[in-house]
């Protein structure tokens, strides 16, 4: 929710007030108070610490195994309107082409546990940043295997990945996979391997579905990547809490 919408929700929805531990007749926080609170979280990098704390709790419960990581990225749209003080679009956001369609906004990069699908790392960039540029930043350092789609082809050759003692399991490019002769023994084994890797990578799609469909974060609510990163950290932390409750 935006800051004004959050203020209104506190007045209209008792469940929100109960969750925020606000007393029944206490003065409800207005949108300016919520704005200052968000800025304080951003200034002191408390959202990152919140996600780390959640991950530590999940690890202690045995829900985050840390043996393997799945990396992926998704596009988050941003308002394209120029009806603002500067008469410009958000300068931190950029356009990117996916398939035949153009998108304007940011890109959410996440690293998720290969076993449970729980998110442990989050990075936000402009939409035109390539997925591979943030792959290493999404690793926690204790994994032995990393899974990614075809967008991460060549990651093992990049300078930042040279010293990592991990095994990269990257999907074959669709064009090459289509021409594989599946009637041969080698071709059948390659196809089986690709399906196995895809079944593991599928777990990283669930956080994206929850964040976009259930939490409604299909479009950024504030200008700037810093605010977008803060929102992603909060949403991924909330997702981890929801999933840990289901696992329990």
Protein backbone atom coordinates (compact mmCIF):
# COMPACT_ATOMS: atom_id res chain seq x y z
CA UNK A 1 0.00 0.00 0.00
CA UNK A 2 1.04 3.60 -0.54
CA UNK A 3 1.49 5.81 2.52
CA UNK A 4 -1.97 7.50 2.20
CA UNK A 5 -3.59 4.10 1.57
CA UNK A 6 -1.84 2.66 4.63
CA UNK A 7 -3.13 5.51 6.81
CA UNK A 8 -6.65 4.87 5.56
CA UNK A 9 -6.30 1.11 6.11
CA UNK A 10 -5.35 1.62 9.75
CA UNK A 11 -8.61 3.52 10.32
CA UNK A 12 -10.81 1.12 8.33
CA UNK A 13 -9.35 -2.33 9.11
CA UNK A 14 -9.10 -3.50 12.74
CA UNK A 15 -6.90 -6.44 11.68
CA UNK A 16 -4.21 -4.01 10.48
CA UNK A 17 -4.25 -2.16 13.79
CA UNK A 18 -4.01 -5.45 15.68
CA UNK A 19 -1.07 -6.59 13.53
CA UNK A 20 0.73 -3.27 14.12
CA UNK A 21 -0.03 -3.57 17.87
CA UNK A 22 -1.76 -0.21 17.96
CA UNK A 23 -4.07 0.32 20.90
CA UNK A 24 -7.75 0.61 20.09
CA UNK A 25 -8.03 4.30 20.99
CA UNK A 26 -4.45 5.33 20.26
CA UNK A 27 -3.74 8.04 17.72
CA UNK A 28 -3.33 6.33 14.37
CA UNK A 29 -0.12 7.10 12.42
CA UNK A 30 -0.76 9.43 9.50
CA UNK A 31 0.90 9.18 6.10
CA UNK A 32 3.73 11.56 7.11
CA UNK A 33 4.62 9.33 10.07
CA UNK A 34 4.62 6.26 7.83
CA UNK A 35 6.79 8.12 5.29
CA UNK A 36 9.36 9.04 7.95
CA UNK A 37 9.38 5.46 9.22
CA UNK A 38 10.09 4.12 5.71
CA UNK A 39 12.93 6.62 5.28
CA UNK A 40 14.42 5.59 8.62
CA UNK A 41 14.34 1.92 7.62
CA UNK A 42 16.10 2.86 4.38
CA UNK A 43 18.67 5.14 6.03
CA UNK A 44 19.78 2.56 8.58
CA UNK A 45 19.45 -0.44 6.20
CA UNK A 46 17.12 -2.15 8.65
CA UNK A 47 15.18 -3.99 5.94
CA UNK A 48 18.31 -5.98 5.05
CA UNK A 49 18.78 -6.85 8.72
CA UNK A 50 15.15 -7.92 8.99
CA UNK A 51 15.55 -10.37 6.08
CA UNK A 52 18.81 -11.70 7.57
CA UNK A 53 17.06 -12.27 10.91
CA UNK A 54 14.20 -14.12 9.21
CA UNK A 55 16.69 -16.32 7.32
CA UNK A 56 18.59 -17.10 10.52
CA UNK A 57 15.35 -18.22 12.18
CA UNK A 58 14.44 -20.38 9.17
CA UNK A 59 17.90 -21.95 9.18
CA UNK A 60 17.61 -22.74 12.88
CA UNK A 61 14.29 -24.48 12.18
CA UNK A 62 15.88 -26.51 9.38
CA UNK A 63 13.76 -24.89 6.66
CA UNK A 64 16.68 -23.20 4.88
CA UNK A 65 19.25 -25.84 3.97
CA UNK A 66 21.74 -23.62 2.08
CA UNK A 67 23.10 -26.50 -0.02
CA UNK A 68 21.79 -25.08 -3.28
CA UNK A 69 20.57 -21.74 -4.62
CA UNK A 70 18.27 -20.88 -7.51
CA UNK A 71 18.75 -17.43 -9.06
CA UNK A 72 16.25 -15.59 -11.24
CA UNK A 73 14.90 -12.13 -12.01
CA UNK A 74 11.57 -10.55 -12.90
CA UNK A 75 10.49 -7.17 -14.20
CA UNK A 76 8.51 -4.78 -11.99
CA UNK A 77 6.77 -1.99 -13.88
CA UNK A 78 7.10 1.67 -12.91
CA UNK A 79 4.75 4.58 -13.70
CA UNK A 80 5.58 6.13 -17.08
CA UNK A 81 3.71 9.37 -16.42
CA UNK A 82 5.61 12.68 -16.57
CA UNK A 83 2.92 14.58 -14.64
CA UNK A 84 5.20 15.49 -11.77
CA UNK A 85 7.35 18.36 -10.54
CA UNK A 86 10.32 17.53 -12.79
CA UNK A 87 8.17 16.62 -15.82
CA UNK A 88 10.25 13.45 -16.30
CA UNK A 89 10.01 9.74 -15.70
CA UNK A 90 11.79 8.17 -12.74
CA UNK A 91 15.51 8.56 -13.64
CA UNK A 92 16.45 5.36 -11.78
CA UNK A 93 14.15 3.25 -13.96
CA UNK A 94 14.87 2.19 -17.54
CA UNK A 95 13.24 0.44 -20.45
CA UNK A 96 13.87 -3.18 -21.37
CA UNK A 97 12.61 -5.47 -24.09
CA UNK A 98 11.32 -8.94 -23.29
CA UNK A 99 10.25 -10.90 -26.31
CA UNK A 100 8.47 -8.41 -28.54
CA UNK A 101 7.23 -6.18 -25.71
CA UNK A 102 8.89 -3.15 -24.10
CA UNK A 103 8.81 -2.64 -20.32
CA UNK A 104 9.70 0.38 -18.19
CA UNK A 105 10.65 -0.09 -14.58
CA UNK A 106 13.01 -2.08 -12.38
CA UNK A 107 14.21 -5.66 -12.17
CA UNK A 108 13.97 -7.77 -9.01
CA UNK A 109 16.78 -10.32 -8.67
CA UNK A 110 16.38 -13.01 -6.02
CA UNK A 111 18.29 -16.00 -4.72
CA UNK A 112 16.14 -18.78 -3.27
CA UNK A 113 16.88 -22.02 -1.48
CA UNK A 114 16.84 -24.87 -4.01
CA UNK A 115 15.08 -27.20 -1.59
CA UNK A 116 12.40 -25.04 0.06
CA UNK A 117 12.16 -22.11 -2.37
CA UNK A 118 12.56 -19.61 0.48
CA UNK A 119 14.21 -16.32 -0.54
CA UNK A 120 17.52 -15.47 1.12
CA UNK A 121 18.94 -12.73 -1.16
CA UNK A 122 17.36 -9.75 -2.94
CA UNK A 123 18.80 -7.15 -5.33
CA UNK A 124 17.00 -4.40 -7.22
CA UNK A 125 18.31 -2.85 -10.45
CA UNK A 126 17.00 -0.88 -13.40
CA UNK A 127 15.11 -3.02 -15.90
CA UNK A 128 17.90 -2.86 -18.49
CA UNK A 129 20.45 -4.60 -16.23
CA UNK A 130 21.28 -8.12 -17.42
CA UNK A 131 20.38 -10.96 -15.07
CA UNK A 132 23.94 -12.29 -15.08
CA UNK A 133 25.40 -9.11 -13.56
CA UNK A 134 23.78 -9.82 -10.17
CA UNK A 135 24.12 -13.60 -10.06
CA UNK A 136 27.11 -13.71 -7.71
CA UNK A 137 25.58 -11.08 -5.39
CA UNK A 138 22.61 -13.41 -4.83
CA UNK A 139 24.74 -16.21 -3.34
CA UNK A 140 25.13 -16.56 0.43
CA UNK A 141 28.51 -18.30 0.13
CA UNK A 142 27.64 -21.69 1.61
CA UNK A 143 26.00 -23.32 -1.39
CA UNK A 144 27.67 -25.98 -3.53
CA UNK A 145 25.23 -25.85 -6.47
CA UNK A 146 23.58 -22.94 -8.25
CA UNK A 147 20.70 -23.21 -10.74
CA UNK A 148 19.64 -20.61 -13.29
CA UNK A 149 17.83 -20.23 -16.59
CA UNK A 150 19.48 -19.65 -19.98
CA UNK A 151 19.96 -15.96 -19.17
CA UNK A 152 22.89 -16.95 -16.96
CA UNK A 153 24.82 -18.75 -19.69
CA UNK A 154 28.56 -18.00 -19.36
CA UNK A 155 28.41 -17.01 -15.68
CA UNK A 156 31.32 -19.32 -14.81
CA UNK A 157 33.59 -17.31 -17.14
CA UNK A 158 32.95 -13.96 -15.45
CA UNK A 159 35.69 -12.52 -13.24
CA UNK A 160 33.57 -12.32 -10.10
CA UNK A 161 32.71 -16.04 -10.36
CA UNK A 162 36.22 -17.37 -10.89
CA UNK A 163 37.03 -17.99 -7.22
CA UNK A 164 33.68 -19.54 -6.29
CA UNK A 165 33.69 -23.23 -5.46
CA UNK A 166 30.20 -23.94 -6.78
CA UNK A 167 28.77 -26.04 -9.59
CA UNK A 168 26.67 -23.98 -12.00
CA UNK A 169 23.61 -25.75 -13.48
CA UNK A 170 22.42 -23.38 -16.21
CA UNK A 171 19.62 -24.20 -18.63
CA UNK A 172 20.38 -24.81 -22.28
CA UNK A 173 19.33 -22.03 -24.63
CA UNK A 174 15.87 -22.73 -26.14
CA UNK A 175 17.21 -22.64 -29.69
CA UNK A 176 19.84 -25.29 -28.98
CA UNK A 177 17.38 -27.43 -27.02
CA UNK A 178 14.91 -27.50 -29.89
CA UNK A 179 17.46 -29.00 -32.29
CA UNK A 180 18.55 -31.78 -29.92
CA UNK A 181 17.71 -35.18 -31.42
CA UNK A 182 15.72 -36.77 -28.61
CA UNK A 183 15.53 -40.11 -30.40
CA UNK A 184 19.20 -40.79 -29.68
CA UNK A 185 20.49 -41.93 -26.31
CA UNK A 186 22.60 -38.79 -25.80
CA UNK A 187 19.75 -36.53 -26.89
CA UNK A 188 17.30 -38.27 -24.54
CA UNK A 189 19.72 -37.89 -21.61
CA UNK A 190 20.18 -34.18 -22.39
CA UNK A 191 16.42 -33.66 -22.46
CA UNK A 192 16.00 -35.52 -19.17
CA UNK A 193 18.72 -33.39 -17.58
CA UNK A 194 17.06 -30.16 -18.77
CA UNK A 195 13.72 -31.27 -17.33
CA UNK A 196 15.41 -32.07 -14.02
CA UNK A 197 17.06 -28.65 -13.86
CA UNK A 198 13.75 -26.99 -14.79
CA UNK A 199 11.94 -28.77 -11.95
CA UNK A 200 14.44 -27.32 -9.46
CA UNK A 201 14.35 -23.84 -10.99
CA UNK A 202 10.55 -23.82 -10.84
CA UNK A 203 10.71 -23.20 -7.08
CA UNK A 204 11.99 -19.66 -7.64
CA UNK A 205 8.84 -18.78 -9.59
CA UNK A 206 6.61 -19.20 -6.54
CA UNK A 207 8.01 -16.16 -4.66
CA UNK A 208 7.47 -14.03 -7.78
CA UNK A 209 3.85 -15.21 -8.03
CA UNK A 210 3.15 -14.43 -4.37
CA UNK A 211 4.84 -11.02 -4.52
CA UNK A 212 3.05 -9.99 -7.72
CA UNK A 213 -0.34 -11.69 -7.40
CA UNK A 214 -1.02 -12.05 -3.67
CA UNK A 215 0.91 -9.02 -2.41
CA UNK A 216 -0.02 -6.98 -5.50
CA UNK A 217 3.47 -5.65 -6.19
CA UNK A 218 3.24 -5.52 -9.98
CA UNK A 219 4.20 -1.83 -10.13
CA UNK A 220 6.52 0.30 -7.99
CA UNK A 221 4.78 2.66 -5.58
CA UNK A 222 7.64 5.12 -5.00
CA UNK A 223 10.25 6.78 -7.18
CA UNK A 224 13.85 5.60 -7.01
CA UNK A 225 15.60 2.23 -6.82
CA UNK A 226 16.32 2.64 -3.12
CA UNK A 227 12.60 2.68 -2.31
CA UNK A 228 12.03 -0.23 -4.70
CA UNK A 229 14.76 -2.25 -3.02
CA UNK A 230 13.24 -1.53 0.39
CA UNK A 231 9.83 -2.76 -0.77
CA UNK A 232 11.34 -5.94 -2.22
CA UNK A 233 13.15 -6.74 1.02
CA UNK A 234 9.95 -6.29 3.04
CA UNK A 235 7.92 -8.42 0.63
CA UNK A 236 10.49 -11.23 0.50
CA UNK A 237 10.71 -11.24 4.29
CA UNK A 238 6.91 -11.46 4.49
CA UNK A 239 6.91 -14.27 1.94
CA UNK A 240 9.47 -16.23 3.99
CA UNK A 241 7.34 -15.80 7.11
CA UNK A 242 4.21 -17.02 5.30
CA UNK A 243 5.97 -20.08 3.89
CA UNK A 244 7.63 -20.98 7.20
CA UNK A 245 4.20 -20.95 8.88
CA UNK A 246 2.90 -23.36 6.24
CA UNK A 247 5.94 -25.62 6.63
CA UNK A 248 5.47 -25.66 10.39
